[in-house]
Amino acid sequence: MVLSLILLLGIFLHIIIPSIFFPLFFLGTLIVYILDRQYWALLIWNIIIVLILQVSSLTPWWQFALYYFLWSTFVYIGSITIDKSWPVQSIMATIFLSFSHLILNKFNIDYINWGIYTSVNGIGIGIVLYMAEKLKVYEKSI
């Protein structure tokens, strides 16, 4: 329940404050679901995120879907092949977020904004994973 509330709060904060200077806290929550092997919850939340962001944005839904599903796949592969500690996973998720952003935009982006976006979200992902580890937020149900 706590993860679901954090995820919803992160989505709505992203809608209210749409800026590259504000982290996407819901990404850290998605990593917690991946690390806890809750793949159905991850799939359901990815669909919910895409639908909610589609309603509040001019970006086509398939771009959101491709972006978050590509990123989730990268993080999943990283979680089964690399150490599952929060610092390692936050660094890997940030790198994968950066790659997903580059791939989706076909390397045709402003690299300063891309660097700010990656850095801010890396810090946000690290905060969520650290708090999940310290507070034992991992859940066994949606």
C-alpha atoms as a PDB file:
ATOM      1  CA  MET A   1       0.000   0.000   0.000  1.00  0.00           C
ATOM      2  CA  VAL A   2       2.826   2.395   0.841  1.00  0.00           C
ATOM      3  CA  LEU A   3       4.494   1.801  -2.530  1.00  0.00           C
ATOM      4  CA  SER A   4       1.237   2.465  -4.351  1.00  0.00           C
ATOM      5  CA  LEU A   5       0.762   5.744  -2.504  1.00  0.00           C
ATOM      6  CA  ILE A   6       4.347   6.829  -3.216  1.00  0.00           C
ATOM      7  CA  LEU A   7       3.863   5.946  -6.870  1.00  0.00           C
ATOM      8  CA  LEU A   8       0.599   7.880  -7.195  1.00  0.00           C
ATOM      9  CA  LEU A   9       2.069  10.849  -5.349  1.00  0.00           C
ATOM     10  CA  GLY A  10       5.092  10.776  -7.685  1.00  0.00           C
ATOM     11  CA  ILE A  11       2.881  10.743 -10.773  1.00  0.00           C
ATOM     12  CA  PHE A  12       0.734  13.621  -9.565  1.00  0.00           C
ATOM     13  CA  LEU A  13       3.783  15.657  -8.518  1.00  0.00           C
ATOM     14  CA  HIS A  14       5.137  15.119 -12.014  1.00  0.00           C
ATOM     15  CA  ILE A  15       1.869  16.391 -13.490  1.00  0.00           C
ATOM     16  CA  ILE A  16       1.732  19.409 -11.172  1.00  0.00           C
ATOM     17  CA  ILE A  17       5.444  20.271 -11.514  1.00  0.00           C
ATOM     18  CA  PRO A  18       6.429  19.224 -15.065  1.00  0.00           C
ATOM     19  CA  SER A  19      10.088  20.179 -15.060  1.00  0.00           C
ATOM     20  CA  ILE A  20      13.449  18.550 -15.731  1.00  0.00           C
ATOM     21  CA  PHE A  21      14.476  19.915 -12.325  1.00  0.00           C
ATOM     22  CA  PHE A  22      11.921  17.763 -10.466  1.00  0.00           C
ATOM     23  CA  PRO A  23      12.610  14.019 -10.174  1.00  0.00           C
ATOM     24  CA  LEU A  24      10.177  11.330 -11.303  1.00  0.00           C
ATOM     25  CA  PHE A  25       9.820   9.645  -7.907  1.00  0.00           C
ATOM     26  CA  PHE A  26       7.565   6.948  -9.350  1.00  0.00           C
ATOM     27  CA  LEU A  27      10.574   5.471 -11.197  1.00  0.00           C
ATOM     28  CA  GLY A  28      12.196   4.505  -7.901  1.00  0.00           C
ATOM     29  CA  THR A  29       8.991   2.772  -6.868  1.00  0.00           C
ATOM     30  CA  LEU A  30       8.951   0.819 -10.124  1.00  0.00           C
ATOM     31  CA  ILE A  31      12.490  -0.374  -9.355  1.00  0.00           C
ATOM     32  CA  VAL A  32      11.311  -1.609  -5.946  1.00  0.00           C
ATOM     33  CA  TYR A  33       8.664  -3.691  -7.739  1.00  0.00           C
ATOM     34  CA  ILE A  34      11.308  -5.067 -10.125  1.00  0.00           C
ATOM     35  CA  LEU A  35      13.728  -5.938  -7.313  1.00  0.00           C
ATOM     36  CA  ASP A  36      10.910  -7.579  -5.351  1.00  0.00           C
ATOM     37  CA  ARG A  37       9.970  -9.630  -8.462  1.00  0.00           C
ATOM     38  CA  GLN A  38       6.451  -8.217  -8.631  1.00  0.00           C
ATOM     39  CA  TYR A  39       6.248  -8.216 -12.401  1.00  0.00           C
ATOM     40  CA  TRP A  40       2.454  -8.111 -12.657  1.00  0.00           C
ATOM     41  CA  ALA A  41       2.387  -5.067 -10.398  1.00  0.00           C
ATOM     42  CA  LEU A  42       5.098  -3.497 -12.567  1.00  0.00           C
ATOM     43  CA  LEU A  43       3.090  -4.149 -15.732  1.00  0.00           C
ATOM     44  CA  ILE A  44      -0.123  -2.781 -14.229  1.00  0.00           C
ATOM     45  CA  TRP A  45       1.620   0.336 -12.895  1.00  0.00           C
ATOM     46  CA  ASN A  46       3.381   0.942 -16.207  1.00  0.00           C
ATOM     47  CA  ILE A  47      -0.005   0.880 -17.951  1.00  0.00           C
ATOM     48  CA  ILE A  48      -1.511   3.196 -15.311  1.00  0.00           C
ATOM     49  CA  ILE A  49       1.435   5.608 -15.605  1.00  0.00           C
ATOM     50  CA  VAL A  50       1.128   5.710 -19.393  1.00  0.00           C
ATOM     51  CA  LEU A  51      -2.620   6.346 -19.214  1.00  0.00           C
ATOM     52  CA  ILE A  52      -2.364   9.069 -16.559  1.00  0.00           C
ATOM     53  CA  LEU A  53       0.500  10.840 -18.302  1.00  0.00           C
ATOM     54  CA  GLN A  54      -1.308  10.607 -21.651  1.00  0.00           C
ATOM     55  CA  VAL A  55      -4.292  12.465 -20.234  1.00  0.00           C
ATOM     56  CA  SER A  56      -2.092  15.268 -18.899  1.00  0.00           C
ATOM     57  CA  SER A  57       0.303  15.658 -21.842  1.00  0.00           C
ATOM     58  CA  LEU A  58       0.444  16.245 -25.575  1.00  0.00           C
ATOM     59  CA  THR A  59       3.003  13.462 -26.001  1.00  0.00           C
ATOM     60  CA  PRO A  60       1.501  10.390 -27.740  1.00  0.00           C
ATOM     61  CA  TRP A  61       0.756   7.462 -25.451  1.00  0.00           C
ATOM     62  CA  TRP A  62       2.992   5.090 -27.406  1.00  0.00           C
ATOM     63  CA  GLN A  63       6.048   7.254 -26.647  1.00  0.00           C
ATOM     64  CA  PHE A  64       5.355   7.064 -22.913  1.00  0.00           C
ATOM     65  CA  ALA A  65       4.723   3.333 -23.220  1.00  0.00           C
ATOM     66  CA  LEU A  66       7.903   2.704 -25.195  1.00  0.00           C
ATOM     67  CA  TYR A  67       9.961   4.860 -22.842  1.00  0.00           C
ATOM     68  CA  TYR A  68       8.835   3.266 -19.567  1.00  0.00           C
ATOM     69  CA  PHE A  69       8.649  -0.302 -20.887  1.00  0.00           C
ATOM     70  CA  LEU A  70      12.101   0.005 -22.458  1.00  0.00           C
ATOM     71  CA  TRP A  71      13.485   1.434 -19.234  1.00  0.00           C
ATOM     72  CA  SER A  72      11.761  -1.256 -17.116  1.00  0.00           C
ATOM     73  CA  THR A  73      13.214  -3.975 -19.356  1.00  0.00           C
ATOM     74  CA  PHE A  74      16.712  -2.552 -19.008  1.00  0.00           C
ATOM     75  CA  VAL A  75      16.330  -2.308 -15.216  1.00  0.00           C
ATOM     76  CA  TYR A  76      14.970  -5.862 -15.060  1.00  0.00           C
ATOM     77  CA  ILE A  77      17.960  -7.208 -16.990  1.00  0.00           C
ATOM     78  CA  GLY A  78      20.276  -5.211 -14.735  1.00  0.00           C
ATOM     79  CA  SER A  79      18.541  -6.521 -11.614  1.00  0.00           C
ATOM     80  CA  ILE A  80      19.031 -10.168 -12.552  1.00  0.00           C
ATOM     81  CA  THR A  81      22.655  -9.774 -13.645  1.00  0.00           C
ATOM     82  CA  ILE A  82      24.038  -7.196 -11.188  1.00  0.00           C
ATOM     83  CA  ASP A  83      24.081  -6.734  -7.412  1.00  0.00           C
ATOM     84  CA  LYS A  84      20.689  -5.752  -5.953  1.00  0.00           C
ATOM     85  CA  SER A  85      21.935  -3.198  -3.429  1.00  0.00           C
ATOM     86  CA  TRP A  86      20.315   0.239  -3.626  1.00  0.00           C
ATOM     87  CA  PRO A  87      23.435   2.188  -4.683  1.00  0.00           C
ATOM     88  CA  VAL A  88      24.216  -0.175  -7.563  1.00  0.00           C
ATOM     89  CA  GLN A  89      20.610  -0.335  -8.720  1.00  0.00           C
ATOM     90  CA  SER A  90      20.146   3.434  -8.557  1.00  0.00           C
ATOM     91  CA  ILE A  91      23.276   3.984 -10.671  1.00  0.00           C
ATOM     92  CA  MET A  92      22.239   1.313 -13.175  1.00  0.00           C
ATOM     93  CA  ALA A  93      18.660   2.633 -13.360  1.00  0.00           C
ATOM     94  CA  THR A  94      19.992   6.134 -13.992  1.00  0.00           C
ATOM     95  CA  ILE A  95      22.233   4.889 -16.787  1.00  0.00           C
ATOM     96  CA  PHE A  96      19.330   2.939 -18.303  1.00  0.00           C
ATOM     97  CA  LEU A  97      17.066   5.987 -17.984  1.00  0.00           C
ATOM     98  CA  SER A  98      19.666   7.999 -19.836  1.00  0.00           C
ATOM     99  CA  PHE A  99      19.943   5.382 -22.598  1.00  0.00           C
ATOM    100  CA  SER A 100      16.162   5.107 -22.924  1.00  0.00           C
ATOM    101  CA  HIS A 101      15.879   8.869 -23.215  1.00  0.00           C
ATOM    102  CA  LEU A 102      18.569   8.957 -25.891  1.00  0.00           C
ATOM    103  CA  ILE A 103      17.091   6.057 -27.858  1.00  0.00           C
ATOM    104  CA  LEU A 104      13.559   7.455 -27.814  1.00  0.00           C
ATOM    105  CA  ASN A 105      14.740  10.900 -28.933  1.00  0.00           C
ATOM    106  CA  LYS A 106      17.086   9.436 -31.573  1.00  0.00           C
ATOM    107  CA  PHE A 107      20.097  11.220 -30.060  1.00  0.00           C
ATOM    108  CA  ASN A 108      18.594  14.531 -31.220  1.00  0.00           C
ATOM    109  CA  ILE A 109      18.275  16.316 -27.859  1.00  0.00           C
ATOM    110  CA  ASP A 110      19.732  19.209 -25.922  1.00  0.00           C
ATOM    111  CA  TYR A 111      22.548  17.527 -24.028  1.00  0.00           C
ATOM    112  CA  ILE A 112      22.546  20.023 -21.154  1.00  0.00           C
ATOM    113  CA  ASN A 113      18.849  19.337 -20.453  1.00  0.00           C
ATOM    114  CA  TRP A 114      19.508  15.626 -20.882  1.00  0.00           C
ATOM    115  CA  GLY A 115      22.310  15.809 -18.298  1.00  0.00           C
ATOM    116  CA  ILE A 116      20.136  17.752 -15.844  1.00  0.00           C
ATOM    117  CA  TYR A 117      17.224  15.338 -16.372  1.00  0.00           C
ATOM    118  CA  THR A 118      19.471  12.313 -15.837  1.00  0.00           C
ATOM    119  CA  SER A 119      21.179  13.752 -12.760  1.00  0.00           C
ATOM    120  CA  VAL A 120      17.990  14.905 -11.044  1.00  0.00           C
ATOM    121  CA  ASN A 121      16.214  11.617 -11.704  1.00  0.00           C
ATOM    122  CA  GLY A 122      19.264   9.630 -10.602  1.00  0.00           C
ATOM    123  CA  ILE A 123      19.197  11.444  -7.271  1.00  0.00           C
ATOM    124  CA  GLY A 124      15.427  10.885  -7.000  1.00  0.00           C
ATOM    125  CA  ILE A 125      15.779   7.176  -7.778  1.00  0.00           C
ATOM    126  CA  GLY A 126      18.567   6.890  -5.218  1.00  0.00           C
ATOM    127  CA  ILE A 127      16.446   8.587  -2.544  1.00  0.00           C
ATOM    128  CA  VAL A 128      13.469   6.285  -3.136  1.00  0.00           C
ATOM    129  CA  LEU A 129      15.622   3.131  -3.163  1.00  0.00           C
ATOM    130  CA  TYR A 130      17.494   4.224  -0.036  1.00  0.00           C
ATOM    131  CA  MET A 131      14.243   4.932   1.809  1.00  0.00           C
ATOM    132  CA  ALA A 132      12.735   1.629   0.648  1.00  0.00           C
ATOM    133  CA  GLU A 133      15.781  -0.212   1.960  1.00  0.00           C
ATOM    134  CA  LYS A 134      15.915   1.610   5.308  1.00  0.00           C
ATOM    135  CA  LEU A 135      12.175   1.556   5.993  1.00  0.00           C
ATOM    136  CA  LYS A 136      11.619  -1.994   4.658  1.00  0.00           C
ATOM    137  CA  VAL A 137       8.882  -0.776   2.306  1.00  0.00           C
ATOM    138  CA  TYR A 138       8.977  -3.883   0.145  1.00  0.00           C
ATOM    139  CA  GLU A 139       5.534  -5.358  -0.170  1.00  0.00           C
ATOM    140  CA  LYS A 140       4.207  -8.746  -1.237  1.00  0.00           C
ATOM    141  CA  SER A 141       0.981  -7.569  -2.858  1.00  0.00           C
ATOM    142  CA  ILE A 142      -0.263  -4.758  -5.096  1.00  0.00           C
END
